[in-house]
Every structure is written in structure tokens, then in C-alpha cells.
Amino acid sequence: MQLKYSVLMSIYKKEKPEYFIQSIESMINQTLRPDEIVIVKDGELTKDLENIIEHYIYKYPGLFNIVPLKENVGLGKALDEGLKYCKNELVARMDTDDISLPERCEIQVKEFIKNPKLSIVGTMIDEFYDDPKNVISSRIVPTSNYEIHKFIKRRSPFNHPTVMFKKSDVIRCGGYGKMKRKQDLDLFSRMLNNGCYALNIDKSLVLFRSNEDNIKRRKSWTYCKSYIYVQYKIWRRGHCNLLDLAYVVIGQLVLFLAPKSLVKLISYKYLRKKYKT
């Protein structure tokens, strides 16, 4: 396994330029620098976003590979398209509004070198609102392959923006697919079902930008329906029993019907861990 890896990002017109810059800078300044950064332009972008991309192409010749799409197709399809252009076997996912800690990718690459059968490795995340220095909560996921298989029975066992995976294994398992929401959970389930070995590093190596919009998305019918549909497919694959399926279906319906204040309380009190300095 070589030390080279690609970064895969997707940008669309509603992203804030200042967040985009922070995200790119965090990947450029990795202790183990990426061999390439693939950015999928998911439809037409604003002039500010286009200017940012042009700036980095000029400043770092040969580092960026830009994949333009004529129209907005959604995150899953955009990532599948971008994956085709990644030249390395190891691919690090990155969202265009989050911030990776400098050592994130070096630690992940070393895990692949240490364990050749590894297909996907993620990390914990620390969540913040406006200031990255003001972390409010953490999302803790299981670390071992065994615990990941257990965890997916009711919740996603990975923080999607943190994962690094083998391109060949993702393609072999069908990629992200056509779903508009929860396409990452569906991919993770298919990878585990196809014998992919998985781990999570017991460190928060990505700062995740959280806000009121995240709560709003969790309360949307599209999100609720997608989550239930993916969990149904997980049940069909034998990763959970009927009780697990019922737990997720009831839980998602409660979150959809509950007032936003209650959803926020559940999210940060029961689904997250309060950050400790």
C-alpha cells in the first residue's frame, strides 16, 4: 500500500465561500499531503465559488482535478462521478464546510498500511456551530469491525465526512447509488454485507459544522422516508432483526412529528456526547 491518496469533495452553489476555503486549506495542510484533490462541481456554481476553485488551481498546479456537472444531481451521484476520476486506490472523503485536523489522513493511511485487508476507516467528529474552537458535542462511533456490524443495526456506524476507503471496494459494492438522502448509510451496509473490513479511529479528527439547518433536515419527510427505506434494506440484508427495524421506523417517525425543540434535545442529549475540554 502506497502513501498516496486522493481527496473527494463535492460542491454546489449554496455552499458558503468562507467555509469552502477552510475545508480546502485543511486538506492541503495535512501532515501527509494528498496526491490529488478531486472536486465535483454539482451543477452551476456562484462566481465566488468558481473564483475560489480557479485560485487553488493556479496556486497548486497539478494538485486539483475538477469534475464539472451540467446540472445538480445530488451528493451521492456527484460522488460516484468524482470517484471515477480519483487516480489513487485510497480516497479520503471531505465535505466542503468541515475542517480536517492536520494529522487526519496520515493516521488513516497508516491504518491501511498496517492492515491490508482494511476497506474503510473513519474517525470520531467534534461538532461546532460558528467557531471551530468552540466545540459543543462529539459523535462517537464504534471502533472495531465487530462493533461496527452491531451498531449498523440501528444507527450509522461511520461519520461520513471522516471516512477513507479503497476505491475498488466502493465501486465493487455499487458506489453511493441513486438515493438523495442516507446514501452513505446504504453504501456502508452494502460494503459490510460484501465482506469489507472496517474500523474507526478512536480520535476526533474532523471538526463538523453543525447548525439549525441540520435539525431541519432531520425533520424533513425526505430524510425520514430515506432513513426508513435504507433500514428496511439493511433488514433485508440480514444486518438487523424486526425489532431493530421497528426501533428505527418508530424513532424516525417520532423525530419527524416532534417539535424542533424536542428533536434538538434528543439529538444532543441522547445521540451525541457533550464535549469535554
C-alpha atoms as a PDB file:
ATOM      1  CA  MET A   1       0.000   0.000   0.000  1.00  0.00           C
ATOM      2  CA  GLN A   2       1.448   3.361  -1.064  1.00  0.00           C
ATOM      3  CA  LEU A   3       1.288   6.588   0.891  1.00  0.00           C
ATOM      4  CA  LYS A   4      -0.554   8.339  -1.946  1.00  0.00           C
ATOM      5  CA  TYR A   5      -4.245   9.119  -1.639  1.00  0.00           C
ATOM      6  CA  SER A   6      -6.938  11.255  -3.294  1.00  0.00           C
ATOM      7  CA  VAL A   7      -9.412  13.613  -1.643  1.00  0.00           C
ATOM      8  CA  LEU A   8     -13.002  13.535  -2.930  1.00  0.00           C
ATOM      9  CA  MET A   9     -15.237  16.590  -2.462  1.00  0.00           C
ATOM     10  CA  SER A  10     -18.495  17.823  -3.993  1.00  0.00           C
ATOM     11  CA  ILE A  11     -19.511  21.498  -4.086  1.00  0.00           C
ATOM     12  CA  TYR A  12     -22.825  23.095  -5.033  1.00  0.00           C
ATOM     13  CA  LYS A  13     -23.986  26.670  -5.347  1.00  0.00           C
ATOM     14  CA  LYS A  14     -25.437  27.119  -1.854  1.00  0.00           C
ATOM     15  CA  GLU A  15     -22.133  26.471  -0.096  1.00  0.00           C
ATOM     16  CA  LYS A  16     -20.564  29.448   1.671  1.00  0.00           C
ATOM     17  CA  PRO A  17     -17.213  30.520   0.144  1.00  0.00           C
ATOM     18  CA  GLU A  18     -15.500  31.046   3.510  1.00  0.00           C
ATOM     19  CA  TYR A  19     -16.427  27.509   4.621  1.00  0.00           C
ATOM     20  CA  PHE A  20     -15.185  26.092   1.321  1.00  0.00           C
ATOM     21  CA  ILE A  21     -11.813  27.785   1.777  1.00  0.00           C
ATOM     22  CA  GLN A  22     -11.432  26.442   5.322  1.00  0.00           C
ATOM     23  CA  SER A  23     -12.203  22.937   4.110  1.00  0.00           C
ATOM     24  CA  ILE A  24      -9.717  23.038   1.228  1.00  0.00           C
ATOM     25  CA  GLU A  25      -6.988  24.542   3.391  1.00  0.00           C
ATOM     26  CA  SER A  26      -7.416  21.807   5.977  1.00  0.00           C
ATOM     27  CA  MET A  27      -6.742  19.166   3.310  1.00  0.00           C
ATOM     28  CA  ILE A  28      -3.821  20.975   1.688  1.00  0.00           C
ATOM     29  CA  ASN A  29      -2.170  21.328   5.099  1.00  0.00           C
ATOM     30  CA  GLN A  30      -2.332  17.661   6.029  1.00  0.00           C
ATOM     31  CA  THR A  31       0.853  16.254   7.554  1.00  0.00           C
ATOM     32  CA  LEU A  32       0.652  13.674   4.760  1.00  0.00           C
ATOM     33  CA  ARG A  33      -0.360  15.787   1.786  1.00  0.00           C
ATOM     34  CA  PRO A  34      -2.838  14.350  -0.745  1.00  0.00           C
ATOM     35  CA  ASP A  35      -1.616  13.346  -4.191  1.00  0.00           C
ATOM     36  CA  GLU A  36      -4.717  14.943  -5.729  1.00  0.00           C
ATOM     37  CA  ILE A  37      -7.919  16.714  -4.693  1.00  0.00           C
ATOM     38  CA  VAL A  38     -10.942  15.881  -6.848  1.00  0.00           C
ATOM     39  CA  ILE A  39     -13.706  18.497  -6.650  1.00  0.00           C
ATOM     40  CA  VAL A  40     -17.039  17.754  -8.310  1.00  0.00           C
ATOM     41  CA  LYS A  41     -18.950  20.877  -9.310  1.00  0.00           C
ATOM     42  CA  ASP A  42     -22.505  19.667  -8.727  1.00  0.00           C
ATOM     43  CA  GLY A  43     -24.235  21.974 -11.201  1.00  0.00           C
ATOM     44  CA  GLU A  44     -23.704  25.664 -11.826  1.00  0.00           C
ATOM     45  CA  LEU A  45     -21.801  27.497  -9.070  1.00  0.00           C
ATOM     46  CA  THR A  46     -21.711  31.102  -7.912  1.00  0.00           C
ATOM     47  CA  LYS A  47     -18.979  33.376  -9.199  1.00  0.00           C
ATOM     48  CA  ASP A  48     -17.333  33.445  -5.746  1.00  0.00           C
ATOM     49  CA  LEU A  49     -17.090  29.655  -5.600  1.00  0.00           C
ATOM     50  CA  GLU A  50     -15.739  29.490  -9.149  1.00  0.00           C
ATOM     51  CA  ASN A  51     -13.109  32.091  -8.278  1.00  0.00           C
ATOM     52  CA  ILE A  52     -12.002  30.060  -5.253  1.00  0.00           C
ATOM     53  CA  ILE A  53     -11.545  26.956  -7.390  1.00  0.00           C
ATOM     54  CA  GLU A  54      -9.588  28.912 -10.032  1.00  0.00           C
ATOM     55  CA  HIS A  55      -7.376  30.400  -7.309  1.00  0.00           C
ATOM     56  CA  TYR A  56      -6.381  26.989  -5.960  1.00  0.00           C
ATOM     57  CA  ILE A  57      -5.830  25.523  -9.424  1.00  0.00           C
ATOM     58  CA  TYR A  58      -3.413  28.371 -10.150  1.00  0.00           C
ATOM     59  CA  LYS A  59      -1.708  28.243  -6.742  1.00  0.00           C
ATOM     60  CA  TYR A  60      -1.229  24.453  -6.699  1.00  0.00           C
ATOM     61  CA  PRO A  61      -0.621  23.257 -10.295  1.00  0.00           C
ATOM     62  CA  GLY A  62      -1.419  19.593 -10.814  1.00  0.00           C
ATOM     63  CA  LEU A  63      -2.987  19.054  -7.394  1.00  0.00           C
ATOM     64  CA  PHE A  64      -6.633  19.699  -8.282  1.00  0.00           C
ATOM     65  CA  ASN A  65      -8.825  17.677 -10.625  1.00  0.00           C
ATOM     66  CA  ILE A  66     -12.117  19.474 -11.304  1.00  0.00           C
ATOM     67  CA  VAL A  67     -15.139  17.479 -12.495  1.00  0.00           C
ATOM     68  CA  PRO A  68     -17.954  19.756 -13.785  1.00  0.00           C
ATOM     69  CA  LEU A  69     -21.535  18.502 -13.952  1.00  0.00           C
ATOM     70  CA  LYS A  70     -24.068  20.311 -16.139  1.00  0.00           C
ATOM     71  CA  GLU A  71     -26.819  20.153 -13.526  1.00  0.00           C
ATOM     72  CA  ASN A  72     -27.231  19.491  -9.828  1.00  0.00           C
ATOM     73  CA  VAL A  73     -27.592  15.727  -9.317  1.00  0.00           C
ATOM     74  CA  GLY A  74     -27.217  15.449  -5.535  1.00  0.00           C
ATOM     75  CA  LEU A  75     -24.374  14.324  -3.308  1.00  0.00           C
ATOM     76  CA  GLY A  76     -24.478  10.576  -3.963  1.00  0.00           C
ATOM     77  CA  LYS A  77     -24.432  10.785  -7.760  1.00  0.00           C
ATOM     78  CA  ALA A  78     -21.843  13.573  -7.679  1.00  0.00           C
ATOM     79  CA  LEU A  79     -19.507  11.482  -5.508  1.00  0.00           C
ATOM     80  CA  ASP A  80     -19.934   8.448  -7.761  1.00  0.00           C
ATOM     81  CA  GLU A  81     -18.954  10.586 -10.737  1.00  0.00           C
ATOM     82  CA  GLY A  82     -15.978  12.082  -8.912  1.00  0.00           C
ATOM     83  CA  LEU A  83     -14.790   8.667  -7.786  1.00  0.00           C
ATOM     84  CA  LYS A  84     -14.239   7.721 -11.429  1.00  0.00           C
ATOM     85  CA  TYR A  85     -11.607  10.464 -11.673  1.00  0.00           C
ATOM     86  CA  CYS A  86      -9.698   9.579  -8.491  1.00  0.00           C
ATOM     87  CA  LYS A  87      -6.356   8.128  -9.619  1.00  0.00           C
ATOM     88  CA  ASN A  88      -5.410   6.536  -6.299  1.00  0.00           C
ATOM     89  CA  GLU A  89      -6.771   3.433  -4.584  1.00  0.00           C
ATOM     90  CA  LEU A  90      -7.139   5.266  -1.259  1.00  0.00           C
ATOM     91  CA  VAL A  91      -9.743   8.028  -1.258  1.00  0.00           C
ATOM     92  CA  ALA A  92     -10.484  10.411   1.621  1.00  0.00           C
ATOM     93  CA  ARG A  93     -13.984  11.890   1.735  1.00  0.00           C
ATOM     94  CA  MET A  94     -14.286  15.510   2.762  1.00  0.00           C
ATOM     95  CA  ASP A  95     -17.271  17.847   2.963  1.00  0.00           C
ATOM     96  CA  THR A  96     -16.877  21.409   1.735  1.00  0.00           C
ATOM     97  CA  ASP A  97     -17.890  23.004   5.036  1.00  0.00           C
ATOM     98  CA  ASP A  98     -15.972  20.870   7.544  1.00  0.00           C
ATOM     99  CA  ILE A  99     -12.380  21.051   8.772  1.00  0.00           C
ATOM    100  CA  SER A 100      -9.953  18.127   8.977  1.00  0.00           C
ATOM    101  CA  LEU A 101      -7.284  18.144  11.654  1.00  0.00           C
ATOM    102  CA  PRO A 102      -3.744  18.138  10.174  1.00  0.00           C
ATOM    103  CA  GLU A 103      -2.884  14.548  11.101  1.00  0.00           C
ATOM    104  CA  ARG A 104      -6.199  13.004   9.992  1.00  0.00           C
ATOM    105  CA  CYS A 105      -5.154  11.459   6.680  1.00  0.00           C
ATOM    106  CA  GLU A 106      -1.692  10.361   7.800  1.00  0.00           C
ATOM    107  CA  ILE A 107      -3.256   8.384  10.661  1.00  0.00           C
ATOM    108  CA  GLN A 108      -5.798   6.804   8.316  1.00  0.00           C
ATOM    109  CA  VAL A 109      -3.244   5.860   5.640  1.00  0.00           C
ATOM    110  CA  LYS A 110      -1.093   4.196   8.312  1.00  0.00           C
ATOM    111  CA  GLU A 111      -4.076   2.025   9.277  1.00  0.00           C
ATOM    112  CA  PHE A 112      -4.332   0.781   5.683  1.00  0.00           C
ATOM    113  CA  ILE A 113      -0.601   0.041   5.605  1.00  0.00           C
ATOM    114  CA  LYS A 114      -0.842  -1.800   8.921  1.00  0.00           C
ATOM    115  CA  ASN A 115      -3.871  -3.855   7.836  1.00  0.00           C
ATOM    116  CA  PRO A 116      -4.002  -4.705   4.090  1.00  0.00           C
ATOM    117  CA  LYS A 117      -7.495  -6.255   4.380  1.00  0.00           C
ATOM    118  CA  LEU A 118      -8.962  -2.950   5.590  1.00  0.00           C
ATOM    119  CA  SER A 119     -11.540  -1.410   3.213  1.00  0.00           C
ATOM    120  CA  ILE A 120     -12.816   1.619   5.101  1.00  0.00           C
ATOM    121  CA  VAL A 121     -11.674   3.589   8.138  1.00  0.00           C
ATOM    122  CA  GLY A 122     -13.416   6.557   9.756  1.00  0.00           C
ATOM    123  CA  THR A 123     -12.943   8.696  12.855  1.00  0.00           C
ATOM    124  CA  MET A 124     -14.966  10.441  15.540  1.00  0.00           C
ATOM    125  CA  ILE A 125     -16.111  14.026  14.966  1.00  0.00           C
ATOM    126  CA  ASP A 126     -16.293  17.133  17.123  1.00  0.00           C
ATOM    127  CA  GLU A 127     -19.225  19.403  16.274  1.00  0.00           C
ATOM    128  CA  PHE A 128     -19.264  23.196  16.378  1.00  0.00           C
ATOM    129  CA  TYR A 129     -21.591  25.991  15.299  1.00  0.00           C
ATOM    130  CA  ASP A 130     -19.710  29.123  14.234  1.00  0.00           C
ATOM    131  CA  ASP A 131     -16.280  28.957  15.848  1.00  0.00           C
ATOM    132  CA  PRO A 132     -14.201  25.759  15.326  1.00  0.00           C
ATOM    133  CA  LYS A 133     -12.592  26.421  18.705  1.00  0.00           C
ATOM    134  CA  ASN A 134     -15.977  26.229  20.411  1.00  0.00           C
ATOM    135  CA  VAL A 135     -16.834  22.526  20.169  1.00  0.00           C
ATOM    136  CA  ILE A 136     -20.296  21.717  21.529  1.00  0.00           C
ATOM    137  CA  SER A 137     -20.583  17.950  21.135  1.00  0.00           C
ATOM    138  CA  SER A 138     -18.974  14.821  19.712  1.00  0.00           C
ATOM    139  CA  ARG A 139     -20.385  11.927  17.712  1.00  0.00           C
ATOM    140  CA  ILE A 140     -18.781   8.736  18.925  1.00  0.00           C
ATOM    141  CA  VAL A 141     -18.940   5.639  16.723  1.00  0.00           C
ATOM    142  CA  PRO A 142     -17.726   2.069  17.333  1.00  0.00           C
ATOM    143  CA  THR A 143     -14.075   1.314  16.608  1.00  0.00           C
ATOM    144  CA  SER A 144     -13.832  -2.426  15.881  1.00  0.00           C
ATOM    145  CA  ASN A 145     -15.177  -4.305  12.864  1.00  0.00           C
ATOM    146  CA  TYR A 146     -17.346  -6.437  15.173  1.00  0.00           C
ATOM    147  CA  GLU A 147     -18.871  -3.432  16.942  1.00  0.00           C
ATOM    148  CA  ILE A 148     -19.463  -1.650  13.618  1.00  0.00           C
ATOM    149  CA  HIS A 149     -21.519  -4.638  12.425  1.00  0.00           C
ATOM    150  CA  LYS A 150     -23.595  -4.445  15.618  1.00  0.00           C
ATOM    151  CA  PHE A 151     -24.024  -0.658  15.509  1.00  0.00           C
ATOM    152  CA  ILE A 152     -25.414  -0.566  11.961  1.00  0.00           C
ATOM    153  CA  LYS A 153     -28.465  -2.453  13.210  1.00  0.00           C
ATOM    154  CA  ARG A 154     -29.899   0.882  14.398  1.00  0.00           C
ATOM    155  CA  ARG A 155     -27.550   3.743  13.501  1.00  0.00           C
ATOM    156  CA  SER A 156     -24.847   4.646  11.025  1.00  0.00           C
ATOM    157  CA  PRO A 157     -21.502   3.265  12.252  1.00  0.00           C
ATOM    158  CA  PHE A 158     -19.450   5.943  10.476  1.00  0.00           C
ATOM    159  CA  ASN A 159     -19.215   9.711  10.359  1.00  0.00           C
ATOM    160  CA  HIS A 160     -19.373  10.053   6.590  1.00  0.00           C
ATOM    161  CA  PRO A 161     -17.130  13.155   6.160  1.00  0.00           C
ATOM    162  CA  THR A 162     -14.327  11.350   8.013  1.00  0.00           C
ATOM    163  CA  VAL A 163     -14.040   8.140   6.026  1.00  0.00           C
ATOM    164  CA  MET A 164     -11.124   6.992   3.886  1.00  0.00           C
ATOM    165  CA  PHE A 165     -11.816   3.945   1.728  1.00  0.00           C
ATOM    166  CA  LYS A 166     -10.462   1.786  -1.059  1.00  0.00           C
ATOM    167  CA  LYS A 167     -11.872   2.959  -4.378  1.00  0.00           C
ATOM    168  CA  SER A 168     -12.051  -0.573  -5.783  1.00  0.00           C
ATOM    169  CA  ASP A 169     -14.154  -1.828  -2.864  1.00  0.00           C
ATOM    170  CA  VAL A 170     -16.636   1.053  -3.099  1.00  0.00           C
ATOM    171  CA  ILE A 171     -17.065   0.501  -6.845  1.00  0.00           C
ATOM    172  CA  ARG A 172     -17.348  -3.285  -6.346  1.00  0.00           C
ATOM    173  CA  CYS A 173     -20.175  -2.701  -3.856  1.00  0.00           C
ATOM    174  CA  GLY A 174     -22.127  -0.413  -6.194  1.00  0.00           C
ATOM    175  CA  GLY A 175     -20.984   3.055  -5.137  1.00  0.00           C
ATOM    176  CA  TYR A 176     -23.265   5.578  -3.488  1.00  0.00           C
ATOM    177  CA  GLY A 177     -26.212   4.806  -5.738  1.00  0.00           C
ATOM    178  CA  LYS A 178     -29.245   6.904  -6.609  1.00  0.00           C
ATOM    179  CA  MET A 179     -30.687   7.799  -3.197  1.00  0.00           C
ATOM    180  CA  LYS A 180     -30.971  11.512  -2.361  1.00  0.00           C
ATOM    181  CA  ARG A 181     -30.601  11.020   1.394  1.00  0.00           C
ATOM    182  CA  LYS A 182     -28.741   8.466   3.574  1.00  0.00           C
ATOM    183  CA  GLN A 183     -26.842   7.179   0.548  1.00  0.00           C
ATOM    184  CA  ASP A 184     -23.762   6.844   2.738  1.00  0.00           C
ATOM    185  CA  LEU A 185     -25.521   4.504   5.186  1.00  0.00           C
ATOM    186  CA  ASP A 186     -26.759   2.394   2.282  1.00  0.00           C
ATOM    187  CA  LEU A 187     -23.200   2.178   0.890  1.00  0.00           C
ATOM    188  CA  PHE A 188     -21.741   1.241   4.285  1.00  0.00           C
ATOM    189  CA  SER A 189     -24.335  -1.516   4.655  1.00  0.00           C
ATOM    190  CA  ARG A 190     -23.543  -2.943   1.229  1.00  0.00           C
ATOM    191  CA  MET A 191     -19.804  -2.830   1.929  1.00  0.00           C
ATOM    192  CA  LEU A 192     -20.197  -4.704   5.217  1.00  0.00           C
ATOM    193  CA  ASN A 193     -22.556  -7.164   3.535  1.00  0.00           C
ATOM    194  CA  ASN A 194     -19.897  -7.815   0.884  1.00  0.00           C
ATOM    195  CA  GLY A 195     -17.206  -8.677   3.385  1.00  0.00           C
ATOM    196  CA  CYS A 196     -15.404  -5.338   3.612  1.00  0.00           C
ATOM    197  CA  TYR A 197     -13.352  -4.970   6.779  1.00  0.00           C
ATOM    198  CA  ALA A 198     -13.942  -1.713   8.655  1.00  0.00           C
ATOM    199  CA  LEU A 199     -12.527   0.287  11.556  1.00  0.00           C
ATOM    200  CA  ASN A 200     -12.957   3.666  13.217  1.00  0.00           C
ATOM    201  CA  ILE A 201     -10.063   5.521  14.835  1.00  0.00           C
ATOM    202  CA  ASP A 202     -10.767   6.440  18.437  1.00  0.00           C
ATOM    203  CA  LYS A 203      -9.993  10.131  17.915  1.00  0.00           C
ATOM    204  CA  SER A 204     -11.949  13.144  16.686  1.00  0.00           C
ATOM    205  CA  LEU A 205     -10.030  14.083  13.544  1.00  0.00           C
ATOM    206  CA  VAL A 206     -12.685  16.198  11.805  1.00  0.00           C
ATOM    207  CA  LEU A 207     -14.449  19.332  13.013  1.00  0.00           C
ATOM    208  CA  PHE A 208     -18.040  19.080  11.807  1.00  0.00           C
ATOM    209  CA  ARG A 209     -20.003  22.274  11.161  1.00  0.00           C
ATOM    210  CA  SER A 210     -23.406  21.917  12.788  1.00  0.00           C
ATOM    211  CA  ASN A 211     -26.292  24.397  12.761  1.00  0.00           C
ATOM    212  CA  GLU A 212     -30.072  24.719  12.876  1.00  0.00           C
ATOM    213  CA  ASP A 213     -30.294  23.521   9.260  1.00  0.00           C
ATOM    214  CA  ASN A 214     -29.075  20.079  10.359  1.00  0.00           C
ATOM    215  CA  ILE A 215     -32.033  19.785  12.724  1.00  0.00           C
ATOM    216  CA  LYS A 216     -34.357  20.993   9.989  1.00  0.00           C
ATOM    217  CA  ARG A 217     -33.049  18.327   7.574  1.00  0.00           C
ATOM    218  CA  ARG A 218     -33.581  15.595  10.153  1.00  0.00           C
ATOM    219  CA  LYS A 219     -37.212  16.672  10.454  1.00  0.00           C
ATOM    220  CA  SER A 220     -37.894  16.595   6.722  1.00  0.00           C
ATOM    221  CA  TRP A 221     -40.116  13.872   5.279  1.00  0.00           C
ATOM    222  CA  THR A 222     -37.464  13.116   2.618  1.00  0.00           C
ATOM    223  CA  TYR A 223     -34.886  12.375   5.330  1.00  0.00           C
ATOM    224  CA  CYS A 224     -37.346  10.325   7.396  1.00  0.00           C
ATOM    225  CA  LYS A 225     -38.518   8.278   4.404  1.00  0.00           C
ATOM    226  CA  SER A 226     -34.959   7.674   3.165  1.00  0.00           C
ATOM    227  CA  TYR A 227     -33.741   6.550   6.588  1.00  0.00           C
ATOM    228  CA  ILE A 228     -36.620   4.080   6.939  1.00  0.00           C
ATOM    229  CA  TYR A 229     -36.073   2.762   3.406  1.00  0.00           C
ATOM    230  CA  VAL A 230     -32.338   2.207   3.974  1.00  0.00           C
ATOM    231  CA  GLN A 231     -33.020   0.486   7.294  1.00  0.00           C
ATOM    232  CA  TYR A 232     -35.528  -1.757   5.534  1.00  0.00           C
ATOM    233  CA  LYS A 233     -32.808  -2.725   3.058  1.00  0.00           C
ATOM    234  CA  ILE A 234     -30.390  -3.354   5.952  1.00  0.00           C
ATOM    235  CA  TRP A 235     -33.013  -5.695   7.440  1.00  0.00           C
ATOM    236  CA  ARG A 236     -33.401  -7.457   4.086  1.00  0.00           C
ATOM    237  CA  ARG A 237     -29.625  -7.969   4.002  1.00  0.00           C
ATOM    238  CA  GLY A 238     -29.805  -9.653   7.400  1.00  0.00           C
ATOM    239  CA  HIS A 239     -27.919  -6.973   9.327  1.00  0.00           C
ATOM    240  CA  CYS A 240     -30.751  -6.410  11.800  1.00  0.00           C
ATOM    241  CA  ASN A 241     -33.901  -8.099  13.089  1.00  0.00           C
ATOM    242  CA  LEU A 242     -37.510  -6.907  13.050  1.00  0.00           C
ATOM    243  CA  LEU A 243     -37.141  -5.295  16.478  1.00  0.00           C
ATOM    244  CA  ASP A 244     -34.223  -3.190  15.225  1.00  0.00           C
ATOM    245  CA  LEU A 245     -36.213  -2.211  12.148  1.00  0.00           C
ATOM    246  CA  ALA A 246     -39.232  -1.237  14.258  1.00  0.00           C
ATOM    247  CA  TYR A 247     -36.985   0.798  16.594  1.00  0.00           C
ATOM    248  CA  VAL A 248     -35.643   2.841  13.655  1.00  0.00           C
ATOM    249  CA  VAL A 249     -39.052   3.280  11.981  1.00  0.00           C
ATOM    250  CA  ILE A 250     -40.734   4.475  15.186  1.00  0.00           C
ATOM    251  CA  GLY A 251     -37.764   6.653  16.114  1.00  0.00           C
ATOM    252  CA  GLN A 252     -37.682   8.399  12.743  1.00  0.00           C
ATOM    253  CA  LEU A 253     -41.444   8.991  12.751  1.00  0.00           C
ATOM    254  CA  VAL A 254     -41.213  10.489  16.251  1.00  0.00           C
ATOM    255  CA  LEU A 255     -38.396  12.818  15.142  1.00  0.00           C
ATOM    256  CA  PHE A 256     -40.398  13.824  12.066  1.00  0.00           C
ATOM    257  CA  LEU A 257     -43.561  14.613  14.044  1.00  0.00           C
ATOM    258  CA  ALA A 258     -41.944  16.117  17.148  1.00  0.00           C
ATOM    259  CA  PRO A 259     -41.360  19.884  17.556  1.00  0.00           C
ATOM    260  CA  LYS A 260     -37.896  21.118  16.606  1.00  0.00           C
ATOM    261  CA  SER A 261     -37.003  21.878  20.227  1.00  0.00           C
ATOM    262  CA  LEU A 262     -37.591  18.242  21.210  1.00  0.00           C
ATOM    263  CA  VAL A 263     -35.604  16.948  18.224  1.00  0.00           C
ATOM    264  CA  LYS A 264     -32.711  19.192  19.233  1.00  0.00           C
ATOM    265  CA  LEU A 265     -32.884  17.920  22.821  1.00  0.00           C
ATOM    266  CA  ILE A 266     -32.896  14.265  21.724  1.00  0.00           C
ATOM    267  CA  SER A 267     -30.086  14.848  19.246  1.00  0.00           C
ATOM    268  CA  TYR A 268     -27.672  16.491  21.652  1.00  0.00           C
ATOM    269  CA  LYS A 269     -28.619  14.684  24.852  1.00  0.00           C
ATOM    270  CA  TYR A 270     -29.024  11.111  23.641  1.00  0.00           C
ATOM    271  CA  LEU A 271     -27.429  10.841  20.176  1.00  0.00           C
ATOM    272  CA  ARG A 272     -24.314  12.901  20.919  1.00  0.00           C
ATOM    273  CA  LYS A 273     -21.808  13.197  23.741  1.00  0.00           C
ATOM    274  CA  LYS A 274     -21.267  16.536  25.384  1.00  0.00           C
ATOM    275  CA  TYR A 275     -17.798  17.792  24.583  1.00  0.00           C
ATOM    276  CA  LYS A 276     -15.351  17.812  27.481  1.00  0.00           C
ATOM    277  CA  THR A 277     -12.450  20.251  27.369  1.00  0.00           C
END
